[in-house]
Amino acid sequence: MSNQTNSFQVSKASKKVIIVEDNKAEADLTRIIYQDQSIDCEIVHFENGEDFIAFVDNDDVSEISYVLLDLNMPRVNGYEVLEFLSKNEALKNLVVIVFSSSNNSKDVERCYQMGANAYVNKPLNLNELERAIESIHNFWGITNLKPQAWS
């Protein structure tokens, strides 16, 4: 039993968290929160969905723990990213958390229908934002286990 725990801890320590967010200030704030909370992961930021798609289409995604995806971005928006991921067999199992300021129920429903694993309304209050990021990471980055075939 302790062998399984040790191997899991080793595998999660080097995971990447992807932030797809066109607002650089919000992405920087998110990165700072991860650092302040001593969350052990590599943060990779993409300013639009087009750059993120190019990355996942040409790179090894096994080290990606989860993706924080904004919806409203120029060039390729969050919906288009979800559509691309759902149509690509090698990418459809990426954990994608829509992290948006929109709390419109139609946006939420559409994102789940398109394959999002979670939808989190991005809090405007700094303390609530810190708690949201901590909760996201505690579940999707630590607690959630993916089948070996996905890694």
C-alpha atoms as a PDB file:
ATOM      1  CA  MET A   1       0.000   0.000   0.000  1.00  0.00           C
ATOM      2  CA  SER A   2       2.746   2.506   0.850  1.00  0.00           C
ATOM      3  CA  ASN A   3       4.430   1.679  -2.466  1.00  0.00           C
ATOM      4  CA  GLN A   4       1.372   2.897  -4.375  1.00  0.00           C
ATOM      5  CA  THR A   5       1.231   6.090  -2.337  1.00  0.00           C
ATOM      6  CA  ASN A   6       4.906   6.820  -2.899  1.00  0.00           C
ATOM      7  CA  SER A   7       4.705   6.265  -6.645  1.00  0.00           C
ATOM      8  CA  PHE A   8       1.625   8.481  -6.861  1.00  0.00           C
ATOM      9  CA  GLN A   9       3.349  11.274  -4.925  1.00  0.00           C
ATOM     10  CA  VAL A  10       6.349  11.088  -7.223  1.00  0.00           C
ATOM     11  CA  SER A  11       4.198  11.233 -10.351  1.00  0.00           C
ATOM     12  CA  LYS A  12       2.168  14.244  -9.226  1.00  0.00           C
ATOM     13  CA  ALA A  13       5.127  16.354  -8.097  1.00  0.00           C
ATOM     14  CA  SER A  14       6.264  17.176 -11.618  1.00  0.00           C
ATOM     15  CA  LYS A  15       2.853  17.852 -13.130  1.00  0.00           C
ATOM     16  CA  LYS A  16       2.022  20.936 -15.162  1.00  0.00           C
ATOM     17  CA  VAL A  17      -0.911  23.227 -14.608  1.00  0.00           C
ATOM     18  CA  ILE A  18      -1.936  24.981 -17.797  1.00  0.00           C
ATOM     19  CA  ILE A  19      -3.567  28.408 -17.651  1.00  0.00           C
ATOM     20  CA  VAL A  20      -5.307  29.513 -20.855  1.00  0.00           C
ATOM     21  CA  GLU A  21      -6.184  33.139 -20.130  1.00  0.00           C
ATOM     22  CA  ASP A  22      -5.953  36.206 -22.352  1.00  0.00           C
ATOM     23  CA  ASN A  23      -5.776  38.660 -19.432  1.00  0.00           C
ATOM     24  CA  LYS A  24      -2.087  38.659 -18.497  1.00  0.00           C
ATOM     25  CA  ALA A  25      -2.745  40.353 -15.134  1.00  0.00           C
ATOM     26  CA  GLU A  26      -5.234  37.620 -14.152  1.00  0.00           C
ATOM     27  CA  ALA A  27      -2.824  34.899 -15.279  1.00  0.00           C
ATOM     28  CA  ASP A  28       0.014  36.514 -13.297  1.00  0.00           C
ATOM     29  CA  LEU A  29      -2.203  36.789 -10.219  1.00  0.00           C
ATOM     30  CA  THR A  30      -3.138  33.109 -10.539  1.00  0.00           C
ATOM     31  CA  ARG A  31       0.549  32.179 -10.822  1.00  0.00           C
ATOM     32  CA  ILE A  32       1.351  34.256  -7.708  1.00  0.00           C
ATOM     33  CA  ILE A  33      -1.415  32.499  -5.774  1.00  0.00           C
ATOM     34  CA  TYR A  34       0.037  29.103  -6.700  1.00  0.00           C
ATOM     35  CA  GLN A  35       3.466  30.292  -5.516  1.00  0.00           C
ATOM     36  CA  ASP A  36       2.108  31.825  -2.280  1.00  0.00           C
ATOM     37  CA  GLN A  37       0.292  28.595  -1.469  1.00  0.00           C
ATOM     38  CA  SER A  38       3.496  26.613  -2.176  1.00  0.00           C
ATOM     39  CA  ILE A  39       1.712  24.452  -4.715  1.00  0.00           C
ATOM     40  CA  ASP A  40       4.367  22.250  -6.281  1.00  0.00           C
ATOM     41  CA  CYS A  41       3.717  22.336 -10.018  1.00  0.00           C
ATOM     42  CA  GLU A  42       4.950  23.955 -13.172  1.00  0.00           C
ATOM     43  CA  ILE A  43       2.627  26.702 -14.408  1.00  0.00           C
ATOM     44  CA  VAL A  44       2.421  27.123 -18.180  1.00  0.00           C
ATOM     45  CA  HIS A  45       0.450  30.094 -19.482  1.00  0.00           C
ATOM     46  CA  PHE A  46      -1.096  30.565 -22.920  1.00  0.00           C
ATOM     47  CA  GLU A  47      -2.709  33.893 -23.821  1.00  0.00           C
ATOM     48  CA  ASN A  48      -5.186  32.332 -26.247  1.00  0.00           C
ATOM     49  CA  GLY A  49      -6.717  29.042 -27.250  1.00  0.00           C
ATOM     50  CA  GLU A  50      -4.844  28.943 -30.553  1.00  0.00           C
ATOM     51  CA  ASP A  51      -1.433  28.797 -28.851  1.00  0.00           C
ATOM     52  CA  PHE A  52      -2.690  26.207 -26.353  1.00  0.00           C
ATOM     53  CA  ILE A  53      -4.046  23.988 -29.157  1.00  0.00           C
ATOM     54  CA  ALA A  54      -0.722  24.200 -31.008  1.00  0.00           C
ATOM     55  CA  PHE A  55       1.047  23.156 -27.803  1.00  0.00           C
ATOM     56  CA  VAL A  56      -1.143  20.147 -26.953  1.00  0.00           C
ATOM     57  CA  ASP A  57      -1.326  19.052 -30.567  1.00  0.00           C
ATOM     58  CA  ASN A  58       2.479  18.809 -30.770  1.00  0.00           C
ATOM     59  CA  ASP A  59       3.647  18.045 -27.236  1.00  0.00           C
ATOM     60  CA  ASP A  60       3.441  15.293 -24.637  1.00  0.00           C
ATOM     61  CA  VAL A  61       0.346  15.957 -22.538  1.00  0.00           C
ATOM     62  CA  SER A  62       0.993  13.217 -19.966  1.00  0.00           C
ATOM     63  CA  GLU A  63       2.554  15.724 -17.551  1.00  0.00           C
ATOM     64  CA  ILE A  64      -0.497  18.009 -17.589  1.00  0.00           C
ATOM     65  CA  SER A  65      -2.357  17.733 -14.309  1.00  0.00           C
ATOM     66  CA  TYR A  66      -5.219  19.987 -15.409  1.00  0.00           C
ATOM     67  CA  VAL A  67      -6.087  22.997 -17.537  1.00  0.00           C
ATOM     68  CA  LEU A  68      -7.671  26.221 -16.264  1.00  0.00           C
ATOM     69  CA  LEU A  69      -9.543  27.523 -19.310  1.00  0.00           C
ATOM     70  CA  ASP A  70     -11.017  30.981 -19.777  1.00  0.00           C
ATOM     71  CA  LEU A  71     -13.980  31.176 -22.149  1.00  0.00           C
ATOM     72  CA  ASN A  72     -13.818  34.600 -23.723  1.00  0.00           C
ATOM     73  CA  MET A  73     -10.532  34.972 -25.572  1.00  0.00           C
ATOM     74  CA  PRO A  74      -9.507  36.345 -28.953  1.00  0.00           C
ATOM     75  CA  ARG A  75      -8.589  34.142 -31.931  1.00  0.00           C
ATOM     76  CA  VAL A  76      -9.694  30.796 -30.437  1.00  0.00           C
ATOM     77  CA  ASN A  77     -12.078  30.930 -27.478  1.00  0.00           C
ATOM     78  CA  GLY A  78     -12.696  28.408 -24.715  1.00  0.00           C
ATOM     79  CA  TYR A  79     -15.596  26.745 -26.521  1.00  0.00           C
ATOM     80  CA  GLU A  80     -13.413  26.145 -29.563  1.00  0.00           C
ATOM     81  CA  VAL A  81     -10.708  24.658 -27.327  1.00  0.00           C
ATOM     82  CA  LEU A  82     -13.240  22.287 -25.748  1.00  0.00           C
ATOM     83  CA  GLU A  83     -14.477  21.278 -29.199  1.00  0.00           C
ATOM     84  CA  PHE A  84     -10.927  20.600 -30.415  1.00  0.00           C
ATOM     85  CA  LEU A  85     -10.092  18.497 -27.338  1.00  0.00           C
ATOM     86  CA  SER A  86     -13.296  16.460 -27.564  1.00  0.00           C
ATOM     87  CA  LYS A  87     -12.589  15.524 -31.189  1.00  0.00           C
ATOM     88  CA  ASN A  88      -8.995  14.439 -30.568  1.00  0.00           C
ATOM     89  CA  GLU A  89      -8.743  10.920 -29.146  1.00  0.00           C
ATOM     90  CA  ALA A  90      -5.325  11.561 -27.567  1.00  0.00           C
ATOM     91  CA  LEU A  91      -6.515  14.765 -25.854  1.00  0.00           C
ATOM     92  CA  LYS A  92     -10.130  14.179 -24.903  1.00  0.00           C
ATOM     93  CA  ASN A  93      -9.157  12.929 -21.430  1.00  0.00           C
ATOM     94  CA  LEU A  94      -7.291  16.083 -20.416  1.00  0.00           C
ATOM     95  CA  VAL A  95      -8.830  17.500 -17.261  1.00  0.00           C
ATOM     96  CA  VAL A  96     -10.269  20.893 -18.196  1.00  0.00           C
ATOM     97  CA  ILE A  97     -11.688  23.267 -15.626  1.00  0.00           C
ATOM     98  CA  VAL A  98     -13.443  26.230 -17.141  1.00  0.00           C
ATOM     99  CA  PHE A  99     -12.380  29.160 -14.960  1.00  0.00           C
ATOM    100  CA  SER A 100     -14.512  32.056 -16.097  1.00  0.00           C
ATOM    101  CA  SER A 101     -16.050  35.221 -14.729  1.00  0.00           C
ATOM    102  CA  SER A 102     -19.300  34.239 -16.459  1.00  0.00           C
ATOM    103  CA  ASN A 103     -21.878  32.596 -14.241  1.00  0.00           C
ATOM    104  CA  ASN A 104     -24.439  32.357 -17.032  1.00  0.00           C
ATOM    105  CA  SER A 105     -26.237  29.015 -16.724  1.00  0.00           C
ATOM    106  CA  LYS A 106     -26.177  28.548 -20.516  1.00  0.00           C
ATOM    107  CA  ASP A 107     -22.365  28.890 -20.517  1.00  0.00           C
ATOM    108  CA  VAL A 108     -22.099  26.366 -17.690  1.00  0.00           C
ATOM    109  CA  GLU A 109     -24.392  23.856 -19.402  1.00  0.00           C
ATOM    110  CA  ARG A 110     -22.691  24.259 -22.785  1.00  0.00           C
ATOM    111  CA  CYS A 111     -19.217  23.726 -21.299  1.00  0.00           C
ATOM    112  CA  TYR A 112     -20.257  20.498 -19.572  1.00  0.00           C
ATOM    113  CA  GLN A 113     -21.919  19.277 -22.775  1.00  0.00           C
ATOM    114  CA  MET A 114     -18.650  19.982 -24.610  1.00  0.00           C
ATOM    115  CA  GLY A 115     -16.616  17.883 -22.183  1.00  0.00           C
ATOM    116  CA  ALA A 116     -15.446  20.257 -19.442  1.00  0.00           C
ATOM    117  CA  ASN A 117     -14.694  18.393 -16.211  1.00  0.00           C
ATOM    118  CA  ALA A 118     -15.678  21.342 -14.031  1.00  0.00           C
ATOM    119  CA  TYR A 119     -16.893  24.912 -14.273  1.00  0.00           C
ATOM    120  CA  VAL A 120     -15.695  27.371 -11.627  1.00  0.00           C
ATOM    121  CA  ASN A 121     -16.906  30.938 -11.497  1.00  0.00           C
ATOM    122  CA  LYS A 122     -13.783  33.088 -11.107  1.00  0.00           C
ATOM    123  CA  PRO A 123     -14.216  35.074  -7.879  1.00  0.00           C
ATOM    124  CA  LEU A 124     -13.533  38.814  -7.910  1.00  0.00           C
ATOM    125  CA  ASN A 125     -12.475  38.892  -4.255  1.00  0.00           C
ATOM    126  CA  LEU A 126      -8.799  37.979  -3.705  1.00  0.00           C
ATOM    127  CA  ASN A 127      -9.451  35.759  -0.664  1.00  0.00           C
ATOM    128  CA  GLU A 128     -12.184  33.876  -2.516  1.00  0.00           C
ATOM    129  CA  LEU A 129      -9.915  33.540  -5.553  1.00  0.00           C
ATOM    130  CA  GLU A 130      -7.191  32.027  -3.364  1.00  0.00           C
ATOM    131  CA  ARG A 131      -9.684  29.563  -1.847  1.00  0.00           C
ATOM    132  CA  ALA A 132     -11.013  28.626  -5.299  1.00  0.00           C
ATOM    133  CA  ILE A 133      -7.529  27.918  -6.665  1.00  0.00           C
ATOM    134  CA  GLU A 134      -6.602  25.944  -3.561  1.00  0.00           C
ATOM    135  CA  SER A 135      -9.801  23.875  -3.854  1.00  0.00           C
ATOM    136  CA  ILE A 136      -9.266  23.257  -7.563  1.00  0.00           C
ATOM    137  CA  HIS A 137      -5.710  22.106  -7.007  1.00  0.00           C
ATOM    138  CA  ASN A 138      -6.488  20.023  -3.937  1.00  0.00           C
ATOM    139  CA  PHE A 139      -9.065  18.043  -5.889  1.00  0.00           C
ATOM    140  CA  TRP A 140      -7.858  17.973  -9.504  1.00  0.00           C
ATOM    141  CA  GLY A 141      -4.126  18.126  -8.778  1.00  0.00           C
ATOM    142  CA  ILE A 142      -3.914  15.879  -5.710  1.00  0.00           C
ATOM    143  CA  THR A 143      -7.067  13.930  -4.826  1.00  0.00           C
ATOM    144  CA  ASN A 144      -8.319  13.038  -8.309  1.00  0.00           C
ATOM    145  CA  LEU A 145      -6.739   9.898  -9.745  1.00  0.00           C
ATOM    146  CA  LYS A 146      -6.636   9.301 -13.484  1.00  0.00           C
ATOM    147  CA  PRO A 147      -6.474   5.836 -15.000  1.00  0.00           C
ATOM    148  CA  GLN A 148      -2.915   4.862 -16.004  1.00  0.00           C
ATOM    149  CA  ALA A 149      -3.936   4.868 -19.666  1.00  0.00           C
ATOM    150  CA  TRP A 150      -4.568   8.628 -19.446  1.00  0.00           C
ATOM    151  CA  SER A 151      -1.129   9.535 -18.148  1.00  0.00           C
END
